[in-house]
Amino acid sequence: MADRDLSFLGRLTDEERFFVGSVYDKLYAARDKYRTGFTFFLTERQAGLARMVTASECFDRYLLFGGHESAEWLMLGVFSEYDDMSEDSFPLKALTFSFRREDKLTHRDILGALMGLDIARETVGDIGVGEDHAVVFLTDTAAEQALMGITKIGRAGVKISEGFDPERMPQREYQLISGTVSSLRLDSVTALAIRSSRANAAALVEGGKVILRGQEIMSCSAQVNEGDVFTVRGHGKFRLGTKGRTTKKDRTFIEIYKYK
């Protein structure tokens, strides 16, 4: 790993280098030792790095999966040629937390209860919270801990069952931000998203503070496409919605959804 050229991945922290090394290890184990392996749940940045590493090795026997169709937190599964490449193989479980509507539990409440059991953050995937239930995706081991260890969250009684109903999967909530931009350049879209000047947004991009499609992008002129997800360090996570009309001053109306 020390001699490997990782310049194609851009700037990496020590933690990211360690993660990239673990991905290479899993690729070699699958290819040379016929051993299938899985990571914990990955951040958007880690998932982007994983895609780049697998592409660099021309390795296509992998899946990124988080337990449901639109998952944001994903596990990487790297499969040997002798194992079925299947989402059913992933070592994760969905748990449904049921509670009274008046208890009004939040994402933070549920994550806090899990952390209170010394469950590591990387073993917890998506948490969707509705009015009277929440769906949580965890590694198999973390799911067993939650099943045995949680009967109340704060003062609210909670009943936990395995599995979930896709039709009742709570939807993520967003804050709508709308306005016009001169173009869909990253600095322009970022400026609108964080309600700041374009110069300030450009400084954030050039300083490596913006992650677009899971990659650190330092070019202000990079284009943001409809549906793209981007994160601005210190400001939150966003998704570009549908592009709208063009004004008489040749500016484009866009909608941005900020993750709550």
C-alpha atoms as a PDB file:
ATOM      1  CA  MET A   1       0.000   0.000   0.000  1.00  0.00           C
ATOM      2  CA  ALA A   2       2.886   2.359   0.805  1.00  0.00           C
ATOM      3  CA  ASP A   3       4.171   2.178  -2.795  1.00  0.00           C
ATOM      4  CA  ARG A   4       0.781   2.447  -4.469  1.00  0.00           C
ATOM      5  CA  ASP A   5       0.002   5.620  -6.394  1.00  0.00           C
ATOM      6  CA  LEU A   6      -3.258   6.981  -5.038  1.00  0.00           C
ATOM      7  CA  SER A   7      -3.059  10.379  -6.732  1.00  0.00           C
ATOM      8  CA  PHE A   8      -6.131   9.550  -8.855  1.00  0.00           C
ATOM      9  CA  LEU A   9      -8.191   9.716  -5.648  1.00  0.00           C
ATOM     10  CA  GLY A  10      -7.207  13.306  -4.924  1.00  0.00           C
ATOM     11  CA  ARG A  11      -6.294  14.509  -1.455  1.00  0.00           C
ATOM     12  CA  LEU A  12      -6.753  11.867   1.237  1.00  0.00           C
ATOM     13  CA  THR A  13      -6.677  12.101   4.998  1.00  0.00           C
ATOM     14  CA  ASP A  14      -4.844   9.407   6.957  1.00  0.00           C
ATOM     15  CA  GLU A  15      -8.214   7.888   7.847  1.00  0.00           C
ATOM     16  CA  GLU A  16      -9.236   7.808   4.190  1.00  0.00           C
ATOM     17  CA  ARG A  17      -5.927   6.194   3.209  1.00  0.00           C
ATOM     18  CA  PHE A  18      -6.558   3.476   5.772  1.00  0.00           C
ATOM     19  CA  PHE A  19     -10.058   2.940   4.377  1.00  0.00           C
ATOM     20  CA  VAL A  20      -8.788   2.770   0.784  1.00  0.00           C
ATOM     21  CA  GLY A  21      -6.221   0.195   1.915  1.00  0.00           C
ATOM     22  CA  SER A  22      -8.982  -1.927   3.428  1.00  0.00           C
ATOM     23  CA  VAL A  23     -10.901  -1.810   0.122  1.00  0.00           C
ATOM     24  CA  TYR A  24      -7.849  -2.985  -1.802  1.00  0.00           C
ATOM     25  CA  ASP A  25      -7.423  -5.788   0.761  1.00  0.00           C
ATOM     26  CA  LYS A  26     -10.994  -6.944   0.147  1.00  0.00           C
ATOM     27  CA  LEU A  27     -10.534  -6.820  -3.619  1.00  0.00           C
ATOM     28  CA  TYR A  28      -7.399  -8.956  -3.445  1.00  0.00           C
ATOM     29  CA  ALA A  29      -9.020 -11.384  -1.002  1.00  0.00           C
ATOM     30  CA  ALA A  30     -11.962 -11.858  -3.376  1.00  0.00           C
ATOM     31  CA  ARG A  31      -9.812 -12.129  -6.504  1.00  0.00           C
ATOM     32  CA  ASP A  32      -6.850 -14.167  -5.201  1.00  0.00           C
ATOM     33  CA  LYS A  33      -8.220 -16.056  -2.205  1.00  0.00           C
ATOM     34  CA  TYR A  34     -11.845 -16.394  -3.343  1.00  0.00           C
ATOM     35  CA  ARG A  35     -13.062 -14.785  -0.126  1.00  0.00           C
ATOM     36  CA  THR A  36     -16.133 -12.531  -0.154  1.00  0.00           C
ATOM     37  CA  GLY A  37     -16.019  -9.573   2.235  1.00  0.00           C
ATOM     38  CA  PHE A  38     -18.145  -6.670   3.441  1.00  0.00           C
ATOM     39  CA  THR A  39     -17.464  -3.273   4.987  1.00  0.00           C
ATOM     40  CA  PHE A  40     -19.491  -1.496   7.632  1.00  0.00           C
ATOM     41  CA  PHE A  41     -21.876   1.270   6.517  1.00  0.00           C
ATOM     42  CA  LEU A  42     -20.004   3.908   4.525  1.00  0.00           C
ATOM     43  CA  THR A  43     -20.250   7.660   4.400  1.00  0.00           C
ATOM     44  CA  GLU A  44     -21.002   9.239   1.041  1.00  0.00           C
ATOM     45  CA  ARG A  45     -17.296  10.100   0.686  1.00  0.00           C
ATOM     46  CA  GLN A  46     -16.200   6.531   1.479  1.00  0.00           C
ATOM     47  CA  ALA A  47     -18.693   5.083  -1.003  1.00  0.00           C
ATOM     48  CA  GLY A  48     -17.307   7.415  -3.668  1.00  0.00           C
ATOM     49  CA  LEU A  49     -13.740   6.298  -2.910  1.00  0.00           C
ATOM     50  CA  ALA A  50     -14.821   2.648  -3.043  1.00  0.00           C
ATOM     51  CA  ARG A  51     -16.293   3.157  -6.522  1.00  0.00           C
ATOM     52  CA  MET A  52     -13.095   4.786  -7.735  1.00  0.00           C
ATOM     53  CA  VAL A  53     -10.875   2.034  -6.325  1.00  0.00           C
ATOM     54  CA  THR A  54     -12.940  -0.782  -7.844  1.00  0.00           C
ATOM     55  CA  ALA A  55     -12.936   1.023 -11.197  1.00  0.00           C
ATOM     56  CA  SER A  56      -9.154   1.456 -11.049  1.00  0.00           C
ATOM     57  CA  GLU A  57      -8.790  -2.302 -10.581  1.00  0.00           C
ATOM     58  CA  CYS A  58     -11.367  -3.113 -13.297  1.00  0.00           C
ATOM     59  CA  PHE A  59     -13.202  -5.124 -10.641  1.00  0.00           C
ATOM     60  CA  ASP A  60     -16.934  -5.436 -11.170  1.00  0.00           C
ATOM     61  CA  ARG A  61     -17.947  -8.139  -8.691  1.00  0.00           C
ATOM     62  CA  TYR A  62     -19.102  -5.711  -6.041  1.00  0.00           C
ATOM     63  CA  LEU A  63     -22.333  -4.178  -4.774  1.00  0.00           C
ATOM     64  CA  LEU A  64     -23.130  -1.128  -2.687  1.00  0.00           C
ATOM     65  CA  PHE A  65     -26.295  -1.763  -0.690  1.00  0.00           C
ATOM     66  CA  GLY A  66     -27.906  -0.286   2.399  1.00  0.00           C
ATOM     67  CA  GLY A  67     -31.005  -2.412   2.972  1.00  0.00           C
ATOM     68  CA  HIS A  68     -33.510  -0.594   0.772  1.00  0.00           C
ATOM     69  CA  GLU A  69     -33.790   0.935  -2.679  1.00  0.00           C
ATOM     70  CA  SER A  70     -32.930   4.552  -1.875  1.00  0.00           C
ATOM     71  CA  ALA A  71     -30.492   3.984   0.997  1.00  0.00           C
ATOM     72  CA  GLU A  72     -27.967   6.725   1.703  1.00  0.00           C
ATOM     73  CA  TRP A  73     -25.687   4.773   4.042  1.00  0.00           C
ATOM     74  CA  LEU A  74     -24.284   1.862   2.037  1.00  0.00           C
ATOM     75  CA  MET A  75     -22.191  -1.227   2.691  1.00  0.00           C
ATOM     76  CA  LEU A  76     -19.645  -2.406   0.161  1.00  0.00           C
ATOM     77  CA  GLY A  77     -19.812  -6.107  -0.675  1.00  0.00           C
ATOM     78  CA  VAL A  78     -16.881  -7.564  -2.631  1.00  0.00           C
ATOM     79  CA  PHE A  79     -17.664 -11.008  -4.060  1.00  0.00           C
ATOM     80  CA  SER A  80     -15.460 -13.881  -5.147  1.00  0.00           C
ATOM     81  CA  GLU A  81     -16.261 -15.586  -8.426  1.00  0.00           C
ATOM     82  CA  TYR A  82     -17.624 -18.611  -6.532  1.00  0.00           C
ATOM     83  CA  ASP A  83     -20.188 -16.698  -4.452  1.00  0.00           C
ATOM     84  CA  ASP A  84     -23.526 -15.325  -5.621  1.00  0.00           C
ATOM     85  CA  MET A  85     -23.427 -11.549  -5.932  1.00  0.00           C
ATOM     86  CA  SER A  86     -26.653 -10.848  -4.083  1.00  0.00           C
ATOM     87  CA  GLU A  87     -28.091  -8.155  -1.820  1.00  0.00           C
ATOM     88  CA  ASP A  88     -29.428 -10.973   0.350  1.00  0.00           C
ATOM     89  CA  SER A  89     -25.827 -11.834   1.260  1.00  0.00           C
ATOM     90  CA  PHE A  90     -25.207  -8.572   3.105  1.00  0.00           C
ATOM     91  CA  PRO A  91     -24.831  -8.933   6.895  1.00  0.00           C
ATOM     92  CA  LEU A  92     -27.482  -6.368   7.767  1.00  0.00           C
ATOM     93  CA  LYS A  93     -30.988  -6.284   9.189  1.00  0.00           C
ATOM     94  CA  ALA A  94     -33.884  -3.861   9.216  1.00  0.00           C
ATOM     95  CA  LEU A  95     -35.628  -3.241  12.532  1.00  0.00           C
ATOM     96  CA  THR A  96     -38.948  -1.452  12.974  1.00  0.00           C
ATOM     97  CA  PHE A  97     -39.309   0.604  16.170  1.00  0.00           C
ATOM     98  CA  SER A  98     -42.987   1.153  17.068  1.00  0.00           C
ATOM     99  CA  PHE A  99     -44.070   3.863  19.525  1.00  0.00           C
ATOM    100  CA  ARG A 100     -47.013   6.134  20.353  1.00  0.00           C
ATOM    101  CA  ARG A 101     -47.578   9.134  18.103  1.00  0.00           C
ATOM    102  CA  GLU A 102     -47.613  11.477  21.069  1.00  0.00           C
ATOM    103  CA  ASP A 103     -44.055  10.440  21.979  1.00  0.00           C
ATOM    104  CA  LYS A 104     -42.727  12.104  18.798  1.00  0.00           C
ATOM    105  CA  LEU A 105     -39.343  10.406  18.651  1.00  0.00           C
ATOM    106  CA  THR A 106     -36.702  11.869  16.344  1.00  0.00           C
ATOM    107  CA  HIS A 107     -33.729  10.584  14.372  1.00  0.00           C
ATOM    108  CA  ARG A 108     -31.458  11.948  17.116  1.00  0.00           C
ATOM    109  CA  ASP A 109     -33.417  10.146  19.852  1.00  0.00           C
ATOM    110  CA  ILE A 110     -33.086   6.778  18.137  1.00  0.00           C
ATOM    111  CA  LEU A 111     -29.435   7.211  17.202  1.00  0.00           C
ATOM    112  CA  GLY A 112     -28.700   8.302  20.765  1.00  0.00           C
ATOM    113  CA  ALA A 113     -30.346   5.170  22.172  1.00  0.00           C
ATOM    114  CA  LEU A 114     -28.198   3.016  19.886  1.00  0.00           C
ATOM    115  CA  MET A 115     -25.017   4.873  20.837  1.00  0.00           C
ATOM    116  CA  GLY A 116     -26.002   4.392  24.476  1.00  0.00           C
ATOM    117  CA  LEU A 117     -25.560   0.653  23.944  1.00  0.00           C
ATOM    118  CA  ASP A 118     -22.010   1.301  22.683  1.00  0.00           C
ATOM    119  CA  ILE A 119     -23.125   0.463  19.156  1.00  0.00           C
ATOM    120  CA  ALA A 120     -20.575   2.034  16.799  1.00  0.00           C
ATOM    121  CA  ARG A 121     -21.860   4.614  14.311  1.00  0.00           C
ATOM    122  CA  GLU A 122     -20.495   2.699  11.325  1.00  0.00           C
ATOM    123  CA  THR A 123     -22.711  -0.277  12.221  1.00  0.00           C
ATOM    124  CA  VAL A 124     -25.839   1.878  11.811  1.00  0.00           C
ATOM    125  CA  GLY A 125     -27.233   2.681   8.373  1.00  0.00           C
ATOM    126  CA  ASP A 126     -30.303   4.689   7.438  1.00  0.00           C
ATOM    127  CA  ILE A 127     -32.774   5.725  10.128  1.00  0.00           C
ATOM    128  CA  GLY A 128     -36.216   6.690   8.816  1.00  0.00           C
ATOM    129  CA  VAL A 129     -38.604   8.176  11.372  1.00  0.00           C
ATOM    130  CA  GLY A 130     -42.380   8.461  10.963  1.00  0.00           C
ATOM    131  CA  GLU A 131     -45.206   9.526  13.283  1.00  0.00           C
ATOM    132  CA  ASP A 132     -45.527   6.225  15.131  1.00  0.00           C
ATOM    133  CA  HIS A 133     -42.649   4.095  13.912  1.00  0.00           C
ATOM    134  CA  ALA A 134     -39.079   4.200  12.684  1.00  0.00           C
ATOM    135  CA  VAL A 135     -37.127   1.871  10.425  1.00  0.00           C
ATOM    136  CA  VAL A 136     -33.465   1.362  11.260  1.00  0.00           C
ATOM    137  CA  PHE A 137     -30.856  -0.564   9.265  1.00  0.00           C
ATOM    138  CA  LEU A 138     -27.984  -2.119  11.204  1.00  0.00           C
ATOM    139  CA  THR A 139     -25.332  -4.767  10.867  1.00  0.00           C
ATOM    140  CA  ASP A 140     -26.466  -8.184  12.095  1.00  0.00           C
ATOM    141  CA  THR A 141     -24.489  -7.861  15.329  1.00  0.00           C
ATOM    142  CA  ALA A 142     -25.722  -4.345  16.092  1.00  0.00           C
ATOM    143  CA  ALA A 143     -29.305  -5.423  15.360  1.00  0.00           C
ATOM    144  CA  GLU A 144     -29.045  -8.189  17.953  1.00  0.00           C
ATOM    145  CA  GLN A 145     -27.750  -5.678  20.506  1.00  0.00           C
ATOM    146  CA  ALA A 146     -30.651  -3.330  19.785  1.00  0.00           C
ATOM    147  CA  LEU A 147     -33.241  -6.117  20.022  1.00  0.00           C
ATOM    148  CA  MET A 148     -31.931  -7.188  23.414  1.00  0.00           C
ATOM    149  CA  GLY A 149     -31.061  -3.786  24.836  1.00  0.00           C
ATOM    150  CA  ILE A 150     -33.790  -1.277  23.903  1.00  0.00           C
ATOM    151  CA  THR A 151     -37.276  -1.266  25.408  1.00  0.00           C
ATOM    152  CA  LYS A 152     -37.513   2.486  26.032  1.00  0.00           C
ATOM    153  CA  ILE A 153     -36.094   5.598  24.423  1.00  0.00           C
ATOM    154  CA  GLY A 154     -36.175   8.353  26.992  1.00  0.00           C
ATOM    155  CA  ARG A 155     -39.587   7.969  28.592  1.00  0.00           C
ATOM    156  CA  ALA A 156     -41.155   6.448  25.499  1.00  0.00           C
ATOM    157  CA  GLY A 157     -41.897   2.752  25.393  1.00  0.00           C
ATOM    158  CA  VAL A 158     -40.658   1.110  22.207  1.00  0.00           C
ATOM    159  CA  LYS A 159     -41.468  -2.224  20.613  1.00  0.00           C
ATOM    160  CA  ILE A 160     -38.890  -3.531  18.132  1.00  0.00           C
ATOM    161  CA  SER A 161     -39.586  -6.101  15.441  1.00  0.00           C
ATOM    162  CA  GLU A 162     -37.405  -7.498  12.674  1.00  0.00           C
ATOM    163  CA  GLY A 163     -38.043  -6.424   9.087  1.00  0.00           C
ATOM    164  CA  PHE A 164     -39.947  -3.484   7.631  1.00  0.00           C
ATOM    165  CA  ASP A 165     -42.816  -2.691   5.299  1.00  0.00           C
ATOM    166  CA  PRO A 166     -41.406  -0.879   2.221  1.00  0.00           C
ATOM    167  CA  GLU A 167     -44.759   0.857   1.701  1.00  0.00           C
ATOM    168  CA  ARG A 168     -44.498   2.380   5.201  1.00  0.00           C
ATOM    169  CA  MET A 169     -40.858   3.372   4.946  1.00  0.00           C
ATOM    170  CA  PRO A 170     -40.702   6.906   6.418  1.00  0.00           C
ATOM    171  CA  GLN A 171     -39.644   9.502   3.880  1.00  0.00           C
ATOM    172  CA  ARG A 172     -36.674  11.780   4.466  1.00  0.00           C
ATOM    173  CA  GLU A 173     -37.585  15.398   5.233  1.00  0.00           C
ATOM    174  CA  TYR A 174     -35.962  18.309   3.425  1.00  0.00           C
ATOM    175  CA  GLN A 175     -35.826  22.075   3.635  1.00  0.00           C
ATOM    176  CA  LEU A 176     -36.567  23.629   0.250  1.00  0.00           C
ATOM    177  CA  ILE A 177     -34.169  26.303  -1.001  1.00  0.00           C
ATOM    178  CA  SER A 178     -35.014  28.012  -4.289  1.00  0.00           C
ATOM    179  CA  GLY A 179     -33.551  30.783  -6.365  1.00  0.00           C
ATOM    180  CA  THR A 180     -31.722  31.575  -9.578  1.00  0.00           C
ATOM    181  CA  VAL A 181     -28.136  30.864 -10.625  1.00  0.00           C
ATOM    182  CA  SER A 182     -26.066  32.055 -13.576  1.00  0.00           C
ATOM    183  CA  SER A 183     -25.116  28.448 -14.342  1.00  0.00           C
ATOM    184  CA  LEU A 184     -25.030  24.994 -12.760  1.00  0.00           C
ATOM    185  CA  ARG A 185     -21.361  25.383 -11.867  1.00  0.00           C
ATOM    186  CA  LEU A 186     -20.502  24.004  -8.467  1.00  0.00           C
ATOM    187  CA  ASP A 187     -19.613  27.391  -6.999  1.00  0.00           C
ATOM    188  CA  SER A 188     -22.910  28.930  -8.162  1.00  0.00           C
ATOM    189  CA  VAL A 189     -25.075  26.085  -6.840  1.00  0.00           C
ATOM    190  CA  THR A 190     -23.131  25.970  -3.569  1.00  0.00           C
ATOM    191  CA  ALA A 191     -23.570  29.711  -3.065  1.00  0.00           C
ATOM    192  CA  LEU A 192     -27.352  29.394  -3.331  1.00  0.00           C
ATOM    193  CA  ALA A 193     -27.450  26.288  -1.134  1.00  0.00           C
ATOM    194  CA  ILE A 194     -25.630  27.933   1.774  1.00  0.00           C
ATOM    195  CA  ARG A 195     -27.061  31.419   1.106  1.00  0.00           C
ATOM    196  CA  SER A 196     -23.640  32.943   0.692  1.00  0.00           C
ATOM    197  CA  SER A 197     -21.613  34.885  -1.869  1.00  0.00           C
ATOM    198  CA  ARG A 198     -20.166  33.133  -4.888  1.00  0.00           C
ATOM    199  CA  ALA A 199     -16.682  34.162  -3.772  1.00  0.00           C
ATOM    200  CA  ASN A 200     -17.164  32.474  -0.410  1.00  0.00           C
ATOM    201  CA  ALA A 201     -18.598  29.381  -2.106  1.00  0.00           C
ATOM    202  CA  ALA A 202     -15.606  29.275  -4.488  1.00  0.00           C
ATOM    203  CA  ALA A 203     -13.228  29.383  -1.516  1.00  0.00           C
ATOM    204  CA  LEU A 204     -15.022  26.417   0.045  1.00  0.00           C
ATOM    205  CA  VAL A 205     -14.827  24.432  -3.207  1.00  0.00           C
ATOM    206  CA  GLU A 206     -11.149  25.236  -3.780  1.00  0.00           C
ATOM    207  CA  GLY A 207     -10.410  24.400  -0.135  1.00  0.00           C
ATOM    208  CA  GLY A 208     -11.755  20.864  -0.543  1.00  0.00           C
ATOM    209  CA  LYS A 209     -14.823  21.517   1.605  1.00  0.00           C
ATOM    210  CA  VAL A 210     -17.396  20.351  -0.965  1.00  0.00           C
ATOM    211  CA  ILE A 211     -18.132  16.699  -1.749  1.00  0.00           C
ATOM    212  CA  LEU A 212     -20.082  16.108  -4.983  1.00  0.00           C
ATOM    213  CA  ARG A 213     -21.303  12.631  -5.955  1.00  0.00           C
ATOM    214  CA  GLY A 214     -19.092  11.192  -3.223  1.00  0.00           C
ATOM    215  CA  GLN A 215     -15.913  12.886  -4.465  1.00  0.00           C
ATOM    216  CA  GLU A 216     -13.952  15.873  -3.229  1.00  0.00           C
ATOM    217  CA  ILE A 217     -14.277  18.342  -6.101  1.00  0.00           C
ATOM    218  CA  MET A 218     -11.976  21.365  -6.080  1.00  0.00           C
ATOM    219  CA  SER A 219     -12.996  22.809  -9.446  1.00  0.00           C
ATOM    220  CA  CYS A 220     -15.505  25.643  -9.270  1.00  0.00           C
ATOM    221  CA  SER A 221     -16.516  24.989 -12.877  1.00  0.00           C
ATOM    222  CA  ALA A 222     -17.590  21.385 -12.206  1.00  0.00           C
ATOM    223  CA  GLN A 223     -21.194  20.910 -13.317  1.00  0.00           C
ATOM    224  CA  VAL A 224     -23.943  19.846 -10.915  1.00  0.00           C
ATOM    225  CA  ASN A 225     -26.628  17.700 -12.516  1.00  0.00           C
ATOM    226  CA  GLU A 226     -30.266  17.270 -11.540  1.00  0.00           C
ATOM    227  CA  GLY A 227     -30.489  14.745  -8.702  1.00  0.00           C
ATOM    228  CA  ASP A 228     -26.839  15.146  -7.656  1.00  0.00           C
ATOM    229  CA  VAL A 229     -26.135  15.065  -3.918  1.00  0.00           C
ATOM    230  CA  PHE A 230     -23.438  17.326  -2.501  1.00  0.00           C
ATOM    231  CA  THR A 231     -22.157  18.082   0.979  1.00  0.00           C
ATOM    232  CA  VAL A 232     -20.684  21.384   2.129  1.00  0.00           C
ATOM    233  CA  ARG A 233     -18.598  20.911   5.245  1.00  0.00           C
ATOM    234  CA  GLY A 234     -20.082  22.902   8.110  1.00  0.00           C
ATOM    235  CA  HIS A 235     -23.289  23.647   6.210  1.00  0.00           C
ATOM    236  CA  GLY A 236     -24.999  20.305   5.592  1.00  0.00           C
ATOM    237  CA  LYS A 237     -26.028  17.964   2.817  1.00  0.00           C
ATOM    238  CA  PHE A 238     -28.042  18.957  -0.257  1.00  0.00           C
ATOM    239  CA  ARG A 239     -29.642  17.552  -3.409  1.00  0.00           C
ATOM    240  CA  LEU A 240     -30.224  19.506  -6.610  1.00  0.00           C
ATOM    241  CA  GLY A 241     -33.828  19.216  -7.736  1.00  0.00           C
ATOM    242  CA  THR A 242     -35.333  19.830 -11.150  1.00  0.00           C
ATOM    243  CA  LYS A 243     -34.025  22.725 -13.216  1.00  0.00           C
ATOM    244  CA  GLY A 244     -36.714  25.300 -14.029  1.00  0.00           C
ATOM    245  CA  ARG A 245     -37.284  28.244 -16.306  1.00  0.00           C
ATOM    246  CA  THR A 246     -34.673  30.715 -17.498  1.00  0.00           C
ATOM    247  CA  THR A 247     -35.183  34.394 -16.623  1.00  0.00           C
ATOM    248  CA  LYS A 248     -34.860  37.347 -18.998  1.00  0.00           C
ATOM    249  CA  LYS A 249     -31.380  37.928 -17.544  1.00  0.00           C
ATOM    250  CA  ASP A 250     -30.404  34.387 -18.606  1.00  0.00           C
ATOM    251  CA  ARG A 251     -30.384  33.014 -15.065  1.00  0.00           C
ATOM    252  CA  THR A 252     -31.794  29.574 -14.304  1.00  0.00           C
ATOM    253  CA  PHE A 253     -34.358  28.903 -11.593  1.00  0.00           C
ATOM    254  CA  ILE A 254     -33.451  25.835  -9.481  1.00  0.00           C
ATOM    255  CA  GLU A 255     -34.658  24.101  -6.357  1.00  0.00           C
ATOM    256  CA  ILE A 256     -32.255  22.646  -3.811  1.00  0.00           C
ATOM    257  CA  TYR A 257     -33.301  20.249  -1.053  1.00  0.00           C
ATOM    258  CA  LYS A 258     -31.363  20.471   2.195  1.00  0.00           C
ATOM    259  CA  TYR A 259     -31.381  17.297   4.281  1.00  0.00           C
ATOM    260  CA  LYS A 260     -32.845  17.770   7.756  1.00  0.00           C
END
